[in-house]
Amino acid sequence: MIKTTVKVDGMMCGMCESHVNDAVRKVFQVDKVTSSHSKGETVIISEKPVDEAKLKTAISATGYEVKGISSEPYEKKKGLFSFLHK
């Protein structure tokens, strides 16, 4: 799994976050996408790395500016009782 963090400029509210999330979901098959206007970032969890140029284009098309993109390996957090499910 890959965690991609995108610095997005221009998000002012929850509706802005929804626009960015929808734009990402339309272009990529993702497990999870969350945006925060207060942090100015969108976090994408996916099986495969996302195409950065395609991602930038998709977000820019909604009227927001991409300031930076970084990726790192992601491991799902284990629940409190995960030791019971072996």
N, C-alpha and C. Protein backbone atom coordinates (compact mmCIF):
# COMPACT_ATOMS: atom_id res chain seq x y z
N MET A 1 0.85 -1.17 0.00
CA MET A 1 0.00 0.00 0.00
C MET A 1 0.90 1.24 0.00
N ILE A 2 0.38 2.28 -0.62
CA ILE A 2 1.11 3.53 -0.76
C ILE A 2 0.29 4.68 -0.16
N LYS A 3 0.95 5.53 0.61
CA LYS A 3 0.31 6.74 1.14
C LYS A 3 0.89 7.93 0.37
N THR A 4 0.01 8.66 -0.32
CA THR A 4 0.43 9.83 -1.08
C THR A 4 -0.16 11.07 -0.41
N THR A 5 0.70 12.02 -0.07
CA THR A 5 0.27 13.26 0.56
C THR A 5 0.44 14.39 -0.45
N VAL A 6 -0.65 15.12 -0.68
CA VAL A 6 -0.65 16.20 -1.66
C VAL A 6 -0.91 17.51 -0.93
N LYS A 7 -0.03 18.48 -1.08
CA LYS A 7 -0.25 19.82 -0.53
C LYS A 7 -1.12 20.57 -1.52
N VAL A 8 -2.32 20.98 -1.06
CA VAL A 8 -3.29 21.64 -1.94
C VAL A 8 -3.58 23.04 -1.41
N ASP A 9 -3.45 24.03 -2.28
CA ASP A 9 -3.71 25.42 -1.90
C ASP A 9 -5.07 25.85 -2.45
N GLY A 10 -5.84 26.54 -1.63
CA GLY A 10 -7.12 27.08 -2.09
C GLY A 10 -8.34 26.47 -1.44
N MET A 11 -8.17 25.38 -0.69
CA MET A 11 -9.33 24.78 -0.01
C MET A 11 -9.70 25.65 1.19
N MET A 12 -10.98 26.03 1.28
CA MET A 12 -11.41 26.92 2.36
C MET A 12 -12.45 26.29 3.30
N CYS A 13 -13.07 25.19 2.87
CA CYS A 13 -14.16 24.62 3.67
C CYS A 13 -14.32 23.14 3.39
N GLY A 14 -15.29 22.53 4.04
CA GLY A 14 -15.59 21.11 3.84
C GLY A 14 -16.03 20.79 2.43
N MET A 15 -16.72 21.72 1.79
CA MET A 15 -17.17 21.49 0.41
C MET A 15 -15.96 21.43 -0.53
N CYS A 16 -14.97 22.27 -0.27
CA CYS A 16 -13.73 22.25 -1.06
C CYS A 16 -13.06 20.88 -0.93
N GLU A 17 -13.03 20.36 0.30
CA GLU A 17 -12.45 19.04 0.55
C GLU A 17 -13.17 17.98 -0.27
N SER A 18 -14.50 18.05 -0.31
CA SER A 18 -15.30 17.09 -1.07
C SER A 18 -15.00 17.16 -2.56
N HIS A 19 -14.83 18.38 -3.09
CA HIS A 19 -14.52 18.54 -4.52
C HIS A 19 -13.20 17.85 -4.86
N VAL A 20 -12.20 18.05 -4.01
CA VAL A 20 -10.88 17.44 -4.25
C VAL A 20 -10.99 15.92 -4.13
N ASN A 21 -11.67 15.43 -3.09
CA ASN A 21 -11.83 13.98 -2.90
C ASN A 21 -12.52 13.34 -4.10
N ASP A 22 -13.59 13.97 -4.58
CA ASP A 22 -14.33 13.44 -5.74
C ASP A 22 -13.46 13.42 -6.99
N ALA A 23 -12.66 14.46 -7.18
CA ALA A 23 -11.78 14.54 -8.35
C ALA A 23 -10.77 13.39 -8.33
N VAL A 24 -10.23 13.09 -7.15
CA VAL A 24 -9.25 12.01 -7.01
C VAL A 24 -9.93 10.66 -7.28
N ARG A 25 -11.11 10.46 -6.70
CA ARG A 25 -11.83 9.18 -6.88
C ARG A 25 -12.22 8.93 -8.33
N LYS A 26 -12.51 9.98 -9.09
CA LYS A 26 -12.90 9.82 -10.49
C LYS A 26 -11.74 9.33 -11.35
N VAL A 27 -10.52 9.71 -10.98
CA VAL A 27 -9.36 9.41 -11.80
C VAL A 27 -8.61 8.15 -11.35
N PHE A 28 -8.64 7.86 -10.05
CA PHE A 28 -7.86 6.74 -9.50
C PHE A 28 -8.72 5.78 -8.70
N GLN A 29 -8.27 4.52 -8.68
CA GLN A 29 -8.86 3.50 -7.82
C GLN A 29 -8.12 3.60 -6.49
N VAL A 30 -8.77 4.17 -5.47
CA VAL A 30 -8.11 4.37 -4.18
C VAL A 30 -8.86 3.65 -3.07
N ASP A 31 -8.15 3.28 -2.02
CA ASP A 31 -8.78 2.66 -0.86
C ASP A 31 -9.40 3.73 0.03
N LYS A 32 -8.71 4.88 0.13
CA LYS A 32 -9.19 5.95 0.99
C LYS A 32 -8.61 7.28 0.51
N VAL A 33 -9.40 8.33 0.59
CA VAL A 33 -8.91 9.68 0.30
C VAL A 33 -9.57 10.63 1.29
N THR A 34 -8.73 11.43 1.96
CA THR A 34 -9.24 12.43 2.90
C THR A 34 -8.52 13.75 2.66
N SER A 35 -9.27 14.82 2.77
CA SER A 35 -8.69 16.15 2.60
C SER A 35 -8.94 16.97 3.85
N SER A 36 -8.05 17.92 4.10
CA SER A 36 -8.19 18.82 5.23
C SER A 36 -7.88 20.23 4.75
N HIS A 37 -8.89 21.11 4.79
CA HIS A 37 -8.63 22.49 4.37
C HIS A 37 -7.76 23.22 5.40
N SER A 38 -7.87 22.84 6.67
CA SER A 38 -7.06 23.51 7.70
C SER A 38 -5.58 23.14 7.58
N LYS A 39 -5.28 21.90 7.18
CA LYS A 39 -3.89 21.49 6.97
C LYS A 39 -3.42 21.81 5.55
N GLY A 40 -4.39 22.01 4.64
CA GLY A 40 -4.03 22.27 3.24
C GLY A 40 -3.45 21.06 2.56
N GLU A 41 -4.02 19.88 2.87
CA GLU A 41 -3.49 18.67 2.26
C GLU A 41 -4.56 17.61 2.02
N THR A 42 -4.23 16.73 1.10
CA THR A 42 -5.07 15.57 0.78
C THR A 42 -4.20 14.34 0.94
N VAL A 43 -4.72 13.32 1.62
CA VAL A 43 -3.99 12.08 1.82
C VAL A 43 -4.73 10.97 1.08
N ILE A 44 -3.99 10.24 0.25
CA ILE A 44 -4.56 9.17 -0.57
C ILE A 44 -3.89 7.86 -0.18
N ILE A 45 -4.69 6.84 0.11
CA ILE A 45 -4.19 5.50 0.39
C ILE A 45 -4.61 4.63 -0.79
N SER A 46 -3.63 4.00 -1.45
CA SER A 46 -3.93 3.18 -2.63
C SER A 46 -3.01 1.96 -2.68
N GLU A 47 -3.43 0.98 -3.47
CA GLU A 47 -2.63 -0.24 -3.65
C GLU A 47 -1.37 0.05 -4.45
N LYS A 48 -1.52 0.86 -5.52
CA LYS A 48 -0.41 1.17 -6.42
C LYS A 48 -0.10 2.66 -6.35
N PRO A 49 1.13 3.04 -6.69
CA PRO A 49 1.45 4.47 -6.73
C PRO A 49 0.56 5.21 -7.74
N VAL A 50 0.17 6.43 -7.42
CA VAL A 50 -0.64 7.22 -8.34
C VAL A 50 0.26 8.02 -9.28
N ASP A 51 -0.22 8.25 -10.48
CA ASP A 51 0.51 9.04 -11.47
C ASP A 51 0.44 10.51 -11.04
N GLU A 52 1.59 11.09 -10.68
CA GLU A 52 1.61 12.44 -10.13
C GLU A 52 1.11 13.49 -11.12
N ALA A 53 1.46 13.35 -12.39
CA ALA A 53 1.02 14.32 -13.40
C ALA A 53 -0.51 14.28 -13.55
N LYS A 54 -1.05 13.07 -13.57
CA LYS A 54 -2.50 12.88 -13.69
C LYS A 54 -3.22 13.44 -12.45
N LEU A 55 -2.62 13.22 -11.29
CA LEU A 55 -3.18 13.70 -10.03
C LEU A 55 -3.20 15.23 -10.01
N LYS A 56 -2.11 15.83 -10.42
CA LYS A 56 -2.00 17.29 -10.46
C LYS A 56 -3.06 17.87 -11.40
N THR A 57 -3.23 17.25 -12.56
CA THR A 57 -4.21 17.71 -13.55
C THR A 57 -5.63 17.60 -12.99
N ALA A 58 -5.94 16.47 -12.34
CA ALA A 58 -7.29 16.25 -11.80
C ALA A 58 -7.63 17.28 -10.73
N ILE A 59 -6.69 17.57 -9.83
CA ILE A 59 -6.96 18.53 -8.76
C ILE A 59 -6.99 19.96 -9.30
N SER A 60 -6.08 20.29 -10.21
CA SER A 60 -6.05 21.63 -10.81
C SER A 60 -7.34 21.93 -11.57
N ALA A 61 -7.94 20.90 -12.17
CA ALA A 61 -9.18 21.08 -12.93
C ALA A 61 -10.34 21.52 -12.03
N THR A 62 -10.25 21.25 -10.73
CA THR A 62 -11.29 21.67 -9.79
C THR A 62 -11.07 23.09 -9.29
N GLY A 63 -9.95 23.71 -9.67
CA GLY A 63 -9.69 25.10 -9.30
C GLY A 63 -8.74 25.28 -8.13
N TYR A 64 -8.11 24.19 -7.68
CA TYR A 64 -7.17 24.27 -6.57
C TYR A 64 -5.76 24.06 -7.10
N GLU A 65 -4.79 24.55 -6.35
CA GLU A 65 -3.40 24.48 -6.81
C GLU A 65 -2.62 23.44 -6.00
N VAL A 66 -1.94 22.55 -6.72
CA VAL A 66 -1.10 21.54 -6.08
C VAL A 66 0.28 22.15 -5.82
N LYS A 67 0.68 22.15 -4.55
CA LYS A 67 1.97 22.74 -4.16
C LYS A 67 3.07 21.70 -4.02
N GLY A 68 2.69 20.44 -3.83
CA GLY A 68 3.70 19.40 -3.68
C GLY A 68 3.06 18.03 -3.48
N ILE A 69 3.80 16.99 -3.87
CA ILE A 69 3.31 15.62 -3.74
C ILE A 69 4.43 14.76 -3.17
N SER A 70 4.12 13.96 -2.16
CA SER A 70 5.10 13.02 -1.62
C SER A 70 4.42 11.67 -1.38
N SER A 71 5.20 10.60 -1.55
CA SER A 71 4.67 9.24 -1.36
C SER A 71 5.57 8.46 -0.42
N GLU A 72 4.95 7.53 0.29
CA GLU A 72 5.70 6.66 1.19
C GLU A 72 4.93 5.35 1.36
N PRO A 73 5.62 4.28 1.73
CA PRO A 73 4.91 3.01 1.97
C PRO A 73 3.93 3.19 3.14
N TYR A 74 2.83 2.47 3.08
CA TYR A 74 1.80 2.58 4.12
C TYR A 74 1.40 1.19 4.58
N GLU A 75 1.34 1.02 5.89
CA GLU A 75 0.90 -0.25 6.45
C GLU A 75 -0.36 0.01 7.25
N LYS A 76 -1.41 -0.77 6.97
CA LYS A 76 -2.67 -0.59 7.70
C LYS A 76 -2.42 -0.78 9.18
N LYS A 77 -3.07 0.08 9.96
CA LYS A 77 -2.95 -0.03 11.41
C LYS A 77 -3.73 -1.25 11.88
N LYS A 78 -3.16 -1.93 12.82
CA LYS A 78 -3.82 -3.11 13.37
C LYS A 78 -4.73 -2.66 14.52
N GLY A 79 -5.89 -3.27 14.61
CA GLY A 79 -6.85 -2.93 15.66
C GLY A 79 -6.41 -3.45 17.02
N LEU A 80 -7.11 -3.03 18.03
CA LEU A 80 -6.79 -3.39 19.40
C LEU A 80 -6.82 -4.90 19.61
N PHE A 81 -7.76 -5.58 18.96
CA PHE A 81 -7.89 -7.02 19.15
C PHE A 81 -7.40 -7.82 17.94
N SER A 82 -6.51 -7.25 17.16
CA SER A 82 -6.01 -7.94 15.97
C SER A 82 -5.25 -9.23 16.30
N PHE A 83 -4.72 -9.31 17.49
CA PHE A 83 -3.98 -10.51 17.87
C PHE A 83 -4.91 -11.74 17.92
N LEU A 84 -6.22 -11.52 18.01
CA LEU A 84 -7.18 -12.62 18.05
C LEU A 84 -7.44 -13.22 16.67
N HIS A 85 -7.13 -12.46 15.62
CA HIS A 85 -7.43 -12.89 14.24
C HIS A 85 -6.17 -13.28 13.51
N LYS A 86 -5.68 -14.45 13.81
CA LYS A 86 -4.45 -14.90 13.13
C LYS A 86 -4.76 -15.87 12.05
